[in-house]
């Protein structure tokens, strides 16, 4: 139940956009949403610039305007990195648009006891 309330609570994130090496015509972008408030979470998405911008625009509290997007695209092409300082979203909203949470340790398979291993 606590996990569900954390997923529904809005948090503030900084969005980092990193250009991946490869094709220049439709470059791939790695997008990281890093929580900057009490919730400790990092979400990742990867795709074209257009796909990443669609993810951001699907968020209900996205206040990034066209001028900010154009500036970010120029910076990404020049420096291969750009960031949006703050955006508000819940963990549920980030997961619902297709982003993957990457700050958790992968679950290890259970260790078999010596009696069941025979």
C-alpha atoms as a PDB file:
ATOM      1  CA  UNK A   1       0.000   0.000   0.000  1.00  0.00           C
ATOM      2  CA  UNK A   2       2.868   2.380   0.767  1.00  0.00           C
ATOM      3  CA  UNK A   3       4.378   1.569  -2.632  1.00  0.00           C
ATOM      4  CA  UNK A   4       1.104   2.562  -4.362  1.00  0.00           C
ATOM      5  CA  UNK A   5       0.941   5.907  -2.546  1.00  0.00           C
ATOM      6  CA  UNK A   6       4.546   6.666  -3.569  1.00  0.00           C
ATOM      7  CA  UNK A   7       3.683   5.829  -7.191  1.00  0.00           C
ATOM      8  CA  UNK A   8       0.739   8.239  -7.101  1.00  0.00           C
ATOM      9  CA  UNK A   9       2.604  11.110  -5.414  1.00  0.00           C
ATOM     10  CA  UNK A  10       4.022  13.758  -7.735  1.00  0.00           C
ATOM     11  CA  UNK A  11       7.765  14.277  -7.590  1.00  0.00           C
ATOM     12  CA  UNK A  12      10.105  16.733  -9.255  1.00  0.00           C
ATOM     13  CA  UNK A  13      12.531  15.361 -11.827  1.00  0.00           C
ATOM     14  CA  UNK A  14      15.466  16.736 -13.796  1.00  0.00           C
ATOM     15  CA  UNK A  15      15.518  15.366 -17.345  1.00  0.00           C
ATOM     16  CA  UNK A  16      18.923  14.592 -18.849  1.00  0.00           C
ATOM     17  CA  UNK A  17      19.151  14.011 -22.610  1.00  0.00           C
ATOM     18  CA  UNK A  18      22.299  12.356 -23.960  1.00  0.00           C
ATOM     19  CA  UNK A  19      22.934  11.896 -27.702  1.00  0.00           C
ATOM     20  CA  UNK A  20      24.141   8.373 -28.449  1.00  0.00           C
ATOM     21  CA  UNK A  21      26.838   7.778 -31.047  1.00  0.00           C
ATOM     22  CA  UNK A  22      25.615   6.522 -34.387  1.00  0.00           C
ATOM     23  CA  UNK A  23      23.480   7.821 -37.214  1.00  0.00           C
ATOM     24  CA  UNK A  24      23.485  11.589 -37.703  1.00  0.00           C
ATOM     25  CA  UNK A  25      20.237  11.706 -39.661  1.00  0.00           C
ATOM     26  CA  UNK A  26      18.001  10.376 -36.863  1.00  0.00           C
ATOM     27  CA  UNK A  27      20.216  10.308 -33.786  1.00  0.00           C
ATOM     28  CA  UNK A  28      19.225   8.175 -30.831  1.00  0.00           C
ATOM     29  CA  UNK A  29      18.789   9.866 -27.467  1.00  0.00           C
ATOM     30  CA  UNK A  30      19.069   8.407 -23.980  1.00  0.00           C
ATOM     31  CA  UNK A  31      16.697  10.208 -21.640  1.00  0.00           C
ATOM     32  CA  UNK A  32      17.063  10.001 -17.852  1.00  0.00           C
ATOM     33  CA  UNK A  33      14.476  11.303 -15.394  1.00  0.00           C
ATOM     34  CA  UNK A  34      16.307  11.784 -12.076  1.00  0.00           C
ATOM     35  CA  UNK A  35      14.199  12.587  -9.009  1.00  0.00           C
ATOM     36  CA  UNK A  36      15.258  15.742  -7.174  1.00  0.00           C
ATOM     37  CA  UNK A  37      12.857  15.509  -4.219  1.00  0.00           C
ATOM     38  CA  UNK A  38      12.171  13.018  -1.406  1.00  0.00           C
ATOM     39  CA  UNK A  39      11.466  10.118  -3.773  1.00  0.00           C
ATOM     40  CA  UNK A  40      14.631   8.350  -4.909  1.00  0.00           C
ATOM     41  CA  UNK A  41      14.020   7.216  -8.476  1.00  0.00           C
ATOM     42  CA  UNK A  42      15.683   7.198 -11.877  1.00  0.00           C
ATOM     43  CA  UNK A  43      13.754   6.370 -15.045  1.00  0.00           C
ATOM     44  CA  UNK A  44      15.200   5.797 -18.497  1.00  0.00           C
ATOM     45  CA  UNK A  45      13.937   5.858 -22.046  1.00  0.00           C
ATOM     46  CA  UNK A  46      15.791   5.591 -25.328  1.00  0.00           C
ATOM     47  CA  UNK A  47      14.705   6.517 -28.814  1.00  0.00           C
ATOM     48  CA  UNK A  48      14.724   9.240 -31.427  1.00  0.00           C
ATOM     49  CA  UNK A  49      14.449  12.906 -30.476  1.00  0.00           C
ATOM     50  CA  UNK A  50      10.814  12.914 -31.622  1.00  0.00           C
ATOM     51  CA  UNK A  51       9.955   9.887 -29.497  1.00  0.00           C
ATOM     52  CA  UNK A  52      11.585  11.397 -26.400  1.00  0.00           C
ATOM     53  CA  UNK A  53       9.700  14.664 -26.897  1.00  0.00           C
ATOM     54  CA  UNK A  54       6.416  12.758 -27.255  1.00  0.00           C
ATOM     55  CA  UNK A  55       7.087  11.080 -23.908  1.00  0.00           C
ATOM     56  CA  UNK A  56       7.662  14.449 -22.263  1.00  0.00           C
ATOM     57  CA  UNK A  57       4.597  16.019 -23.874  1.00  0.00           C
ATOM     58  CA  UNK A  58       2.370  13.138 -22.681  1.00  0.00           C
ATOM     59  CA  UNK A  59       3.037  14.088 -19.070  1.00  0.00           C
ATOM     60  CA  UNK A  60       0.134  16.116 -17.658  1.00  0.00           C
ATOM     61  CA  UNK A  61       2.302  18.673 -15.828  1.00  0.00           C
ATOM     62  CA  UNK A  62       4.812  19.203 -18.627  1.00  0.00           C
ATOM     63  CA  UNK A  63       5.480  22.934 -18.884  1.00  0.00           C
ATOM     64  CA  UNK A  64       8.181  22.726 -21.558  1.00  0.00           C
ATOM     65  CA  UNK A  65       7.307  25.035 -24.437  1.00  0.00           C
ATOM     66  CA  UNK A  66       8.360  24.955 -28.097  1.00  0.00           C
ATOM     67  CA  UNK A  67      11.165  27.464 -27.549  1.00  0.00           C
ATOM     68  CA  UNK A  68      12.664  25.287 -24.776  1.00  0.00           C
ATOM     69  CA  UNK A  69      12.447  22.239 -27.051  1.00  0.00           C
ATOM     70  CA  UNK A  70      14.168  24.038 -29.941  1.00  0.00           C
ATOM     71  CA  UNK A  71      16.951  25.269 -27.641  1.00  0.00           C
ATOM     72  CA  UNK A  72      17.421  21.775 -26.194  1.00  0.00           C
ATOM     73  CA  UNK A  73      17.600  20.215 -29.661  1.00  0.00           C
ATOM     74  CA  UNK A  74      20.304  22.704 -30.707  1.00  0.00           C
ATOM     75  CA  UNK A  75      22.313  22.041 -27.522  1.00  0.00           C
ATOM     76  CA  UNK A  76      21.970  18.280 -27.976  1.00  0.00           C
ATOM     77  CA  UNK A  77      23.291  18.519 -31.540  1.00  0.00           C
ATOM     78  CA  UNK A  78      26.204  20.712 -30.502  1.00  0.00           C
ATOM     79  CA  UNK A  79      27.210  19.348 -27.085  1.00  0.00           C
ATOM     80  CA  UNK A  80      25.619  15.861 -27.235  1.00  0.00           C
ATOM     81  CA  UNK A  81      23.980  16.676 -23.871  1.00  0.00           C
ATOM     82  CA  UNK A  82      21.184  18.881 -22.595  1.00  0.00           C
ATOM     83  CA  UNK A  83      18.844  18.962 -19.621  1.00  0.00           C
ATOM     84  CA  UNK A  84      15.481  20.302 -18.559  1.00  0.00           C
ATOM     85  CA  UNK A  85      15.807  21.499 -14.960  1.00  0.00           C
ATOM     86  CA  UNK A  86      12.460  20.474 -13.487  1.00  0.00           C
ATOM     87  CA  UNK A  87       9.325  18.647 -14.437  1.00  0.00           C
ATOM     88  CA  UNK A  88       6.635  17.301 -12.135  1.00  0.00           C
ATOM     89  CA  UNK A  89       5.319  13.753 -12.564  1.00  0.00           C
ATOM     90  CA  UNK A  90       4.334  10.717 -10.554  1.00  0.00           C
ATOM     91  CA  UNK A  91       6.199   7.424 -10.822  1.00  0.00           C
ATOM     92  CA  UNK A  92       3.029   5.890 -12.222  1.00  0.00           C
ATOM     93  CA  UNK A  93       2.888   8.513 -14.993  1.00  0.00           C
ATOM     94  CA  UNK A  94       6.502   7.853 -15.984  1.00  0.00           C
ATOM     95  CA  UNK A  95       5.879   4.109 -16.119  1.00  0.00           C
ATOM     96  CA  UNK A  96       2.622   4.564 -18.048  1.00  0.00           C
ATOM     97  CA  UNK A  97       4.366   6.399 -20.913  1.00  0.00           C
ATOM     98  CA  UNK A  98       6.860   3.535 -21.274  1.00  0.00           C
ATOM     99  CA  UNK A  99       9.879   4.604 -19.228  1.00  0.00           C
ATOM    100  CA  UNK A 100      11.775   1.946 -17.250  1.00  0.00           C
ATOM    101  CA  UNK A 101      12.913   2.383 -13.664  1.00  0.00           C
ATOM    102  CA  UNK A 102      16.683   1.783 -13.546  1.00  0.00           C
ATOM    103  CA  UNK A 103      17.722   2.697 -10.003  1.00  0.00           C
ATOM    104  CA  UNK A 104      16.758  -0.618  -8.403  1.00  0.00           C
ATOM    105  CA  UNK A 105      18.999  -3.633  -7.972  1.00  0.00           C
ATOM    106  CA  UNK A 106      17.904  -6.553 -10.143  1.00  0.00           C
ATOM    107  CA  UNK A 107      16.252  -9.308  -8.160  1.00  0.00           C
ATOM    108  CA  UNK A 108      18.618 -12.251  -7.578  1.00  0.00           C
ATOM    109  CA  UNK A 109      17.184 -15.715  -8.119  1.00  0.00           C
ATOM    110  CA  UNK A 110      16.464 -17.575  -4.885  1.00  0.00           C
ATOM    111  CA  UNK A 111      19.314 -19.718  -3.604  1.00  0.00           C
ATOM    112  CA  UNK A 112      18.398 -23.379  -3.443  1.00  0.00           C
ATOM    113  CA  UNK A 113      18.862 -25.016  -0.072  1.00  0.00           C
ATOM    114  CA  UNK A 114      21.215 -28.028   0.045  1.00  0.00           C
ATOM    115  CA  UNK A 115      18.249 -30.363   0.615  1.00  0.00           C
ATOM    116  CA  UNK A 116      16.363 -29.234  -2.513  1.00  0.00           C
ATOM    117  CA  UNK A 117      19.445 -29.050  -4.715  1.00  0.00           C
ATOM    118  CA  UNK A 118      19.860 -32.869  -4.876  1.00  0.00           C
END
